[in-house]
Amino acid sequence: MKIITNNKKAFHDYFIEDKFEAGLELFGWEVKSARASEINLVDSFVWFSNGEAFLKNSHFATFKDGVIAEQDPRRDRKLLLKKAQIEKLHSKVKAKGFTCVVTKIYLSPRGLVKAEVALARGKHTYDKKQTLKEKDLKRETENEIKSKNK
């Protein structure tokens, strides 16, 4: 599995509760952009409409060797999930204050472009500060252990 892009902002802004694997319905130039790791997931989210899930506000860079006039880098892309998964995600987003975000896009071992869709709950400012403190403390302890081993 080759990771194409991670959505680090999603881990900063949300508590991740549950994860699902989804396929993406892409055009050929979008697959080529994905293989070149030219995708931006910042501020992207999952939108539900008519029993389907869509990735909104993501940016796939235009493919330079293609017809650029026909390429829309910010178009909505359909997520390929099972009906039961879509219903589960949609019901939790509607009822319990969750949101649905894409945390990473990667290539499967068969060469397909897949997305990791996560059910997430928003963090408060004090939660974000606490997470940063824990991360800094962990990094400092690892650095001390490395320096003692030298």
Protein backbone atom coordinates (compact mmCIF):
# COMPACT_ATOMS: atom_id res chain seq x y z
CA MET A 1 0.00 0.00 0.00
CA LYS A 2 1.48 3.33 -1.10
CA ILE A 3 0.11 6.38 0.73
CA ILE A 4 -0.51 9.24 -1.69
CA THR A 5 -1.60 11.91 0.77
CA ASN A 6 -2.52 12.28 4.44
CA ASN A 7 -4.99 14.77 5.86
CA LYS A 8 -3.00 15.89 8.91
CA LYS A 9 -5.45 18.69 9.63
CA ALA A 10 -8.21 16.14 10.18
CA PHE A 11 -6.22 14.49 12.99
CA HIS A 12 -5.55 17.92 14.49
CA ASP A 13 -9.16 19.13 14.33
CA TYR A 14 -11.07 15.91 15.08
CA PHE A 15 -11.16 12.84 17.30
CA ILE A 16 -11.29 9.91 14.85
CA GLU A 17 -13.91 7.37 15.95
CA ASP A 18 -14.28 4.86 13.11
CA LYS A 19 -12.63 4.28 9.72
CA PHE A 20 -13.87 2.82 6.44
CA GLU A 21 -12.17 2.04 3.13
CA ALA A 22 -13.82 3.52 0.04
CA GLY A 23 -13.05 3.54 -3.64
CA LEU A 24 -13.07 6.76 -5.64
CA GLU A 25 -14.79 7.34 -8.96
CA LEU A 26 -12.10 9.23 -10.91
CA PHE A 27 -11.34 10.31 -14.44
CA GLY A 28 -8.10 9.19 -16.09
CA TRP A 29 -6.28 12.48 -15.51
CA GLU A 30 -7.25 12.35 -11.80
CA VAL A 31 -5.71 8.89 -11.47
CA LYS A 32 -2.51 10.20 -13.05
CA SER A 33 -2.49 13.15 -10.62
CA ALA A 34 -3.04 10.74 -7.74
CA ARG A 35 -0.13 8.54 -8.81
CA ALA A 36 2.03 11.70 -8.94
CA SER A 37 0.90 12.57 -5.35
CA GLU A 38 -0.65 15.87 -6.43
CA ILE A 39 -3.74 15.80 -4.20
CA ASN A 40 -4.73 18.21 -1.43
CA LEU A 41 -7.30 17.11 1.17
CA VAL A 42 -7.20 20.17 3.46
CA ASP A 43 -10.75 21.40 4.18
CA SER A 44 -12.28 18.46 2.31
CA PHE A 45 -15.28 16.58 3.71
CA VAL A 46 -17.83 13.92 2.81
CA TRP A 47 -21.30 14.99 1.68
CA PHE A 48 -24.32 12.69 1.47
CA SER A 49 -26.94 13.13 -1.23
CA ASN A 50 -29.62 10.74 -2.54
CA GLY A 51 -28.13 7.72 -0.78
CA GLU A 52 -24.63 8.36 -2.15
CA ALA A 53 -21.45 9.78 -0.63
CA PHE A 54 -19.31 12.43 -2.31
CA LEU A 55 -15.87 13.85 -1.55
CA LYS A 56 -16.22 17.63 -1.67
CA ASN A 57 -13.65 20.42 -1.67
CA SER A 58 -10.63 18.23 -2.44
CA HIS A 59 -8.07 19.36 -5.01
CA PHE A 60 -6.58 17.08 -7.65
CA ALA A 61 -3.93 18.94 -9.66
CA THR A 62 -4.57 19.24 -13.37
CA PHE A 63 -2.63 16.82 -15.54
CA LYS A 64 -0.18 18.80 -17.65
CA ASP A 65 -0.25 16.54 -20.73
CA GLY A 66 -4.06 16.42 -20.93
CA VAL A 67 -6.70 18.86 -22.16
CA ILE A 68 -6.66 21.34 -19.27
CA ALA A 69 -9.93 23.02 -20.35
CA GLU A 70 -11.84 19.78 -19.58
CA GLN A 71 -10.25 19.31 -16.14
CA ASP A 72 -11.96 20.62 -13.00
CA PRO A 73 -9.58 20.15 -10.05
CA ARG A 74 -12.26 20.86 -7.39
CA ARG A 75 -15.17 18.78 -8.70
CA ASP A 76 -17.17 16.48 -6.40
CA ARG A 77 -15.97 12.88 -6.55
CA LYS A 78 -18.21 9.94 -5.76
CA LEU A 79 -17.08 7.63 -2.95
CA LEU A 80 -17.72 3.95 -3.60
CA LEU A 81 -19.06 2.54 -0.33
CA LYS A 82 -21.56 -0.21 0.42
CA LYS A 83 -25.12 0.92 1.01
CA ALA A 84 -25.07 -0.19 4.66
CA GLN A 85 -21.87 1.81 5.28
CA ILE A 86 -23.35 4.92 3.69
CA GLU A 87 -26.51 4.60 5.79
CA LYS A 88 -24.48 4.10 8.99
CA LEU A 89 -22.27 7.13 8.30
CA HIS A 90 -25.17 9.33 7.23
CA SER A 91 -27.30 8.46 10.28
CA LYS A 92 -24.46 9.25 12.71
CA VAL A 93 -23.62 12.51 10.94
CA LYS A 94 -27.27 13.60 11.09
CA ALA A 95 -28.04 12.54 14.64
CA LYS A 96 -25.00 12.63 16.91
CA GLY A 97 -22.88 15.60 15.93
CA PHE A 98 -20.27 13.64 14.02
CA THR A 99 -18.68 14.68 10.77
CA CYS A 100 -17.24 12.57 8.02
CA VAL A 101 -13.78 13.33 6.59
CA VAL A 102 -11.23 11.62 4.37
CA THR A 103 -8.01 11.03 6.32
CA LYS A 104 -5.82 9.62 3.56
CA ILE A 105 -5.77 8.54 -0.06
CA TYR A 106 -3.60 5.62 -1.08
CA LEU A 107 -2.95 3.07 -3.81
CA SER A 108 -4.13 -0.45 -3.01
CA PRO A 109 -1.85 -3.40 -3.81
CA ARG A 110 -3.88 -3.93 -7.01
CA GLY A 111 -3.14 -0.33 -8.09
CA LEU A 112 -6.57 1.13 -7.33
CA VAL A 113 -6.95 4.57 -5.76
CA LYS A 114 -8.66 4.18 -2.36
CA ALA A 115 -9.70 6.63 0.35
CA GLU A 116 -9.87 6.15 4.09
CA VAL A 117 -13.13 7.72 5.27
CA ALA A 118 -13.36 8.47 8.98
CA LEU A 119 -16.24 9.24 11.28
CA ALA A 120 -14.96 12.07 13.45
CA ARG A 121 -16.01 14.30 16.35
CA GLY A 122 -14.74 17.88 16.54
CA LYS A 123 -12.11 18.90 19.08
CA HIS A 124 -12.30 21.98 21.28
CA THR A 125 -9.36 24.38 21.51
CA TYR A 126 -8.27 22.96 24.87
CA ASP A 127 -8.29 19.44 23.39
CA LYS A 128 -6.01 20.59 20.57
CA LYS A 129 -3.61 22.18 23.05
CA GLN A 130 -3.52 19.01 25.15
CA THR A 131 -2.79 16.91 22.05
CA LEU A 132 0.09 19.21 21.10
CA LYS A 133 1.51 19.02 24.64
CA GLU A 134 1.40 15.21 24.57
CA LYS A 135 3.05 15.14 21.15
CA ASP A 136 5.86 17.48 22.29
CA LEU A 137 6.42 15.44 25.46
CA LYS A 138 6.61 12.22 23.46
CA ARG A 139 9.10 13.75 21.02
CA GLU A 140 11.29 15.06 23.87
CA THR A 141 11.41 11.67 25.60
CA GLU A 142 12.30 9.93 22.34
CA ASN A 143 15.12 12.45 21.75
CA GLU A 144 16.45 11.89 25.28
CA ILE A 145 16.43 8.13 24.78
CA LYS A 146 18.29 8.51 21.47
CA SER A 147 20.88 10.80 23.01
CA LYS A 148 21.51 8.38 25.90
CA ASN A 149 21.97 5.46 23.50
CA LYS A 150 24.72 7.27 21.57
